[in-house]
N, C-alpha and C. Protein backbone atom coordinates (compact mmCIF):
# COMPACT_ATOMS: atom_id res chain seq x y z
N UNK A 1 -30.64 56.32 65.09
CA UNK A 1 -30.92 57.32 64.08
C UNK A 1 -29.75 57.39 63.09
N UNK A 2 -30.06 57.53 61.83
CA UNK A 2 -29.04 57.57 60.78
C UNK A 2 -28.64 59.02 60.51
N UNK A 3 -27.37 59.26 60.31
CA UNK A 3 -26.84 60.58 59.96
C UNK A 3 -27.55 61.09 58.71
N UNK A 4 -27.98 62.38 58.68
CA UNK A 4 -28.68 62.89 57.50
C UNK A 4 -27.81 62.94 56.25
N UNK A 5 -26.50 62.80 56.39
CA UNK A 5 -25.59 62.75 55.25
C UNK A 5 -25.47 61.35 54.69
N UNK A 6 -26.17 60.40 55.30
CA UNK A 6 -26.12 59.01 54.86
C UNK A 6 -27.48 58.58 54.34
N UNK A 7 -27.47 57.98 53.17
CA UNK A 7 -28.70 57.47 52.59
C UNK A 7 -28.91 56.02 52.99
N UNK A 8 -30.15 55.61 53.04
CA UNK A 8 -30.47 54.22 53.36
C UNK A 8 -31.40 53.68 52.29
N UNK A 9 -31.02 52.56 51.72
CA UNK A 9 -31.87 51.83 50.80
C UNK A 9 -32.05 50.42 51.35
N UNK A 10 -33.27 49.92 51.29
CA UNK A 10 -33.54 48.54 51.69
C UNK A 10 -33.97 47.80 50.43
N UNK A 11 -33.31 46.67 50.18
CA UNK A 11 -33.58 45.86 49.00
C UNK A 11 -34.27 44.57 49.41
N UNK A 12 -35.21 44.13 48.58
CA UNK A 12 -35.86 42.84 48.84
C UNK A 12 -34.93 41.71 48.39
N UNK A 13 -35.38 40.50 48.55
CA UNK A 13 -34.53 39.35 48.23
C UNK A 13 -34.22 39.23 46.74
N UNK A 14 -34.99 39.91 45.89
CA UNK A 14 -34.74 39.90 44.45
C UNK A 14 -33.82 41.05 44.03
N UNK A 15 -33.42 41.89 45.00
CA UNK A 15 -32.53 43.00 44.70
C UNK A 15 -33.24 44.28 44.28
N UNK A 16 -34.55 44.35 44.49
CA UNK A 16 -35.33 45.55 44.14
C UNK A 16 -35.41 46.46 45.36
N UNK A 17 -35.43 47.77 45.11
CA UNK A 17 -35.55 48.72 46.20
C UNK A 17 -36.95 48.58 46.83
N UNK A 18 -36.96 48.30 48.13
CA UNK A 18 -38.22 48.13 48.86
C UNK A 18 -38.52 49.35 49.74
N UNK A 19 -37.49 50.12 50.07
CA UNK A 19 -37.65 51.30 50.91
C UNK A 19 -36.47 52.22 50.68
N UNK A 20 -36.70 53.53 50.75
CA UNK A 20 -35.63 54.53 50.57
C UNK A 20 -35.84 55.65 51.57
N UNK A 21 -34.77 56.06 52.23
CA UNK A 21 -34.85 57.16 53.18
C UNK A 21 -34.94 58.50 52.46
N UNK A 22 -35.36 59.51 53.18
CA UNK A 22 -35.38 60.86 52.62
C UNK A 22 -33.99 61.27 52.15
N UNK A 23 -32.97 60.94 52.95
CA UNK A 23 -31.59 61.30 52.59
C UNK A 23 -31.15 60.59 51.32
N UNK A 24 -31.55 59.34 51.13
CA UNK A 24 -31.20 58.61 49.89
C UNK A 24 -31.81 59.32 48.69
N UNK A 25 -33.06 59.72 48.82
CA UNK A 25 -33.73 60.44 47.73
C UNK A 25 -33.00 61.75 47.43
N UNK A 26 -32.65 62.48 48.47
CA UNK A 26 -31.98 63.76 48.29
C UNK A 26 -30.60 63.59 47.67
N UNK A 27 -29.80 62.68 48.19
CA UNK A 27 -28.45 62.47 47.68
C UNK A 27 -28.48 62.01 46.22
N UNK A 28 -29.38 61.09 45.90
CA UNK A 28 -29.42 60.50 44.56
C UNK A 28 -30.21 61.34 43.56
N UNK A 29 -31.08 62.23 44.07
CA UNK A 29 -31.87 63.08 43.19
C UNK A 29 -33.10 62.41 42.60
N UNK A 30 -33.46 61.24 43.11
CA UNK A 30 -34.65 60.53 42.63
C UNK A 30 -35.78 60.76 43.62
N UNK A 31 -37.01 60.75 43.13
CA UNK A 31 -38.16 60.72 44.02
C UNK A 31 -38.28 59.29 44.57
N UNK A 32 -38.90 59.17 45.73
CA UNK A 32 -39.05 57.85 46.34
C UNK A 32 -39.79 56.88 45.42
N UNK A 33 -40.86 57.36 44.76
CA UNK A 33 -41.61 56.47 43.88
C UNK A 33 -40.75 55.98 42.71
N UNK A 34 -39.78 56.78 42.28
CA UNK A 34 -38.86 56.34 41.21
C UNK A 34 -37.91 55.27 41.75
N UNK A 35 -37.36 55.50 42.93
CA UNK A 35 -36.44 54.52 43.51
C UNK A 35 -37.12 53.18 43.75
N UNK A 36 -38.39 53.21 44.11
CA UNK A 36 -39.10 51.96 44.40
C UNK A 36 -39.37 51.13 43.14
N UNK A 37 -39.04 51.65 41.98
CA UNK A 37 -39.15 50.89 40.73
C UNK A 37 -37.77 50.47 40.21
N UNK A 38 -36.74 50.62 41.05
CA UNK A 38 -35.37 50.32 40.63
C UNK A 38 -34.85 49.07 41.34
N UNK A 39 -33.81 48.52 40.76
CA UNK A 39 -33.11 47.41 41.39
C UNK A 39 -31.73 47.91 41.82
N UNK A 40 -31.04 47.11 42.60
CA UNK A 40 -29.68 47.48 43.00
C UNK A 40 -28.83 47.70 41.76
N UNK A 41 -29.00 46.86 40.76
CA UNK A 41 -28.22 46.97 39.52
C UNK A 41 -28.42 48.32 38.84
N UNK A 42 -29.63 48.87 38.95
CA UNK A 42 -29.94 50.16 38.33
C UNK A 42 -29.13 51.30 38.93
N UNK A 43 -28.60 51.12 40.12
CA UNK A 43 -27.86 52.18 40.80
C UNK A 43 -26.36 52.12 40.53
N UNK A 44 -25.93 51.15 39.72
CA UNK A 44 -24.51 50.97 39.42
C UNK A 44 -24.12 51.61 38.09
N UNK A 45 -22.86 51.92 37.95
CA UNK A 45 -22.27 52.35 36.68
C UNK A 45 -22.32 51.14 35.74
N UNK A 46 -22.62 51.33 34.44
CA UNK A 46 -22.71 50.19 33.52
C UNK A 46 -21.46 49.29 33.51
N UNK A 47 -20.29 49.87 33.71
CA UNK A 47 -19.07 49.07 33.74
C UNK A 47 -18.98 48.19 34.97
N UNK A 48 -19.86 48.42 35.94
CA UNK A 48 -19.81 47.66 37.20
C UNK A 48 -21.02 46.74 37.38
N UNK A 49 -21.84 46.55 36.32
CA UNK A 49 -23.00 45.67 36.44
C UNK A 49 -22.61 44.28 36.93
N UNK A 50 -21.53 43.74 36.39
CA UNK A 50 -21.11 42.39 36.79
C UNK A 50 -20.74 42.35 38.27
N UNK A 51 -20.18 43.45 38.77
CA UNK A 51 -19.82 43.53 40.18
C UNK A 51 -21.08 43.53 41.03
N UNK A 52 -22.09 44.27 40.59
CA UNK A 52 -23.36 44.33 41.32
C UNK A 52 -23.97 42.94 41.43
N UNK A 53 -24.00 42.23 40.34
CA UNK A 53 -24.60 40.89 40.34
C UNK A 53 -23.82 39.94 41.23
N UNK A 54 -22.50 40.02 41.18
CA UNK A 54 -21.66 39.16 42.01
C UNK A 54 -21.84 39.50 43.49
N UNK A 55 -21.87 40.79 43.80
CA UNK A 55 -22.06 41.20 45.20
C UNK A 55 -23.38 40.68 45.74
N UNK A 56 -24.44 40.85 44.95
CA UNK A 56 -25.74 40.42 45.43
C UNK A 56 -25.77 38.90 45.62
N UNK A 57 -25.17 38.17 44.70
CA UNK A 57 -25.18 36.71 44.78
C UNK A 57 -24.37 36.18 45.97
N UNK A 58 -23.25 36.83 46.27
CA UNK A 58 -22.37 36.32 47.33
C UNK A 58 -22.57 37.02 48.66
N UNK A 59 -22.67 38.34 48.64
CA UNK A 59 -22.74 39.09 49.89
C UNK A 59 -24.06 38.93 50.61
N UNK A 60 -25.12 38.68 49.87
CA UNK A 60 -26.42 38.47 50.50
C UNK A 60 -26.35 37.32 51.49
N UNK A 61 -25.64 36.29 51.12
CA UNK A 61 -25.53 35.12 52.00
C UNK A 61 -24.62 35.38 53.20
N UNK A 62 -23.61 36.26 53.02
CA UNK A 62 -22.70 36.57 54.13
C UNK A 62 -23.40 37.34 55.23
N UNK A 63 -24.36 38.16 54.86
CA UNK A 63 -25.12 38.89 55.86
C UNK A 63 -24.64 40.31 56.12
N UNK A 64 -23.36 40.59 55.96
CA UNK A 64 -22.83 41.93 56.17
C UNK A 64 -21.81 42.25 55.10
N UNK A 65 -21.82 43.50 54.64
CA UNK A 65 -20.90 43.91 53.58
C UNK A 65 -20.39 45.33 53.84
N UNK A 66 -19.23 45.63 53.29
CA UNK A 66 -18.67 46.98 53.32
C UNK A 66 -17.81 47.14 52.08
N UNK A 67 -18.08 48.18 51.30
CA UNK A 67 -17.32 48.41 50.08
C UNK A 67 -17.49 49.85 49.62
N UNK A 68 -16.73 50.23 48.62
CA UNK A 68 -16.80 51.56 48.00
C UNK A 68 -17.19 51.36 46.55
N UNK A 69 -18.09 52.24 46.03
CA UNK A 69 -18.52 52.11 44.65
C UNK A 69 -19.07 53.42 44.11
N UNK A 70 -19.33 53.42 42.81
CA UNK A 70 -19.98 54.56 42.17
C UNK A 70 -21.48 54.36 42.21
N UNK A 71 -22.20 55.38 42.65
CA UNK A 71 -23.65 55.35 42.77
C UNK A 71 -24.25 56.23 41.68
N UNK A 72 -25.18 55.69 40.90
CA UNK A 72 -25.81 56.46 39.81
C UNK A 72 -26.82 57.44 40.38
N UNK A 73 -26.71 58.68 39.93
CA UNK A 73 -27.61 59.74 40.35
C UNK A 73 -28.63 60.02 39.25
N UNK A 74 -29.69 60.72 39.60
CA UNK A 74 -30.77 60.97 38.64
C UNK A 74 -30.33 61.82 37.46
N UNK A 75 -29.31 62.65 37.63
CA UNK A 75 -28.85 63.52 36.54
C UNK A 75 -27.86 62.83 35.60
N UNK A 76 -27.64 61.52 35.82
CA UNK A 76 -26.75 60.76 34.95
C UNK A 76 -25.31 60.74 35.41
N UNK A 77 -25.00 61.48 36.45
CA UNK A 77 -23.63 61.46 36.96
C UNK A 77 -23.50 60.36 38.02
N UNK A 78 -22.30 60.19 38.53
CA UNK A 78 -22.01 59.15 39.51
C UNK A 78 -21.30 59.76 40.70
N UNK A 79 -21.59 59.22 41.86
CA UNK A 79 -21.02 59.69 43.12
C UNK A 79 -20.31 58.53 43.79
N UNK A 80 -19.06 58.75 44.22
CA UNK A 80 -18.33 57.72 44.95
C UNK A 80 -18.85 57.66 46.38
N UNK A 81 -19.29 56.48 46.79
CA UNK A 81 -19.86 56.31 48.13
C UNK A 81 -19.25 55.10 48.83
N UNK A 82 -19.25 55.18 50.16
CA UNK A 82 -18.94 54.03 50.99
C UNK A 82 -20.26 53.39 51.37
N UNK A 83 -20.32 52.07 51.32
CA UNK A 83 -21.55 51.34 51.60
C UNK A 83 -21.33 50.35 52.73
N UNK A 84 -22.26 50.34 53.67
CA UNK A 84 -22.31 49.32 54.72
C UNK A 84 -23.65 48.65 54.59
N UNK A 85 -23.65 47.34 54.47
CA UNK A 85 -24.91 46.62 54.29
C UNK A 85 -25.07 45.51 55.31
N UNK A 86 -26.33 45.21 55.62
CA UNK A 86 -26.63 44.15 56.58
C UNK A 86 -27.93 43.47 56.19
N UNK A 87 -27.91 42.15 56.24
CA UNK A 87 -29.12 41.36 55.99
C UNK A 87 -30.03 41.47 57.21
N UNK A 88 -31.29 41.78 56.97
CA UNK A 88 -32.26 41.93 58.04
C UNK A 88 -32.95 40.59 58.33
N UNK A 89 -33.58 40.50 59.48
CA UNK A 89 -34.20 39.24 59.89
C UNK A 89 -35.32 38.80 58.96
N UNK A 90 -35.92 39.73 58.22
CA UNK A 90 -37.00 39.37 57.31
C UNK A 90 -36.52 39.02 55.91
N UNK A 91 -35.17 38.96 55.73
CA UNK A 91 -34.61 38.56 54.44
C UNK A 91 -34.22 39.73 53.55
N UNK A 92 -34.71 40.93 53.87
CA UNK A 92 -34.31 42.09 53.08
C UNK A 92 -32.89 42.50 53.46
N UNK A 93 -32.32 43.41 52.66
CA UNK A 93 -30.94 43.83 52.87
C UNK A 93 -30.90 45.35 52.97
N UNK A 94 -30.38 45.87 54.09
CA UNK A 94 -30.30 47.32 54.30
C UNK A 94 -28.89 47.81 53.95
N UNK A 95 -28.82 48.82 53.10
CA UNK A 95 -27.54 49.42 52.73
C UNK A 95 -27.54 50.89 53.13
N UNK A 96 -26.56 51.27 53.90
CA UNK A 96 -26.36 52.66 54.30
C UNK A 96 -25.18 53.17 53.49
N UNK A 97 -25.36 54.29 52.78
CA UNK A 97 -24.27 54.81 51.97
C UNK A 97 -24.00 56.26 52.30
N UNK A 98 -22.75 56.63 52.18
CA UNK A 98 -22.36 58.02 52.43
C UNK A 98 -21.33 58.43 51.38
N UNK A 99 -21.45 59.68 50.90
CA UNK A 99 -20.49 60.18 49.91
C UNK A 99 -19.08 60.18 50.48
N UNK A 100 -18.13 59.87 49.62
CA UNK A 100 -16.72 59.93 50.00
C UNK A 100 -16.29 61.37 49.81
N UNK A 101 -15.97 62.05 50.87
CA UNK A 101 -15.60 63.45 50.80
C UNK A 101 -14.22 63.61 50.18
N UNK A 102 -14.09 64.62 49.33
CA UNK A 102 -12.83 64.88 48.65
C UNK A 102 -12.65 64.08 47.37
N UNK A 103 -13.63 63.22 47.03
CA UNK A 103 -13.55 62.43 45.80
C UNK A 103 -14.24 63.21 44.68
N UNK A 104 -13.69 63.09 43.48
CA UNK A 104 -14.32 63.78 42.35
C UNK A 104 -14.87 62.80 41.36
């Protein structure tokens, strides 16, 4: 079971959101149907688009990732989160994220 303070997004092999947990929707402020029309790149700060593309290109093959980044919220603001990701047996990629407490 995942901590309710942690959001879970599952991305398909093209980097599109394939599944979103209730906590991900709540933390990010998006409805699930909105998230399912987004890509991983859509959740990044514009200054970090190149980082998103590089991560997806390289980390997908590694199978497991851990990093800190800014996550785009529905209100246009950004939240600093820690991300743990793992490639699933069906080729999709699961990312669990949690807000960094004390960060502004």
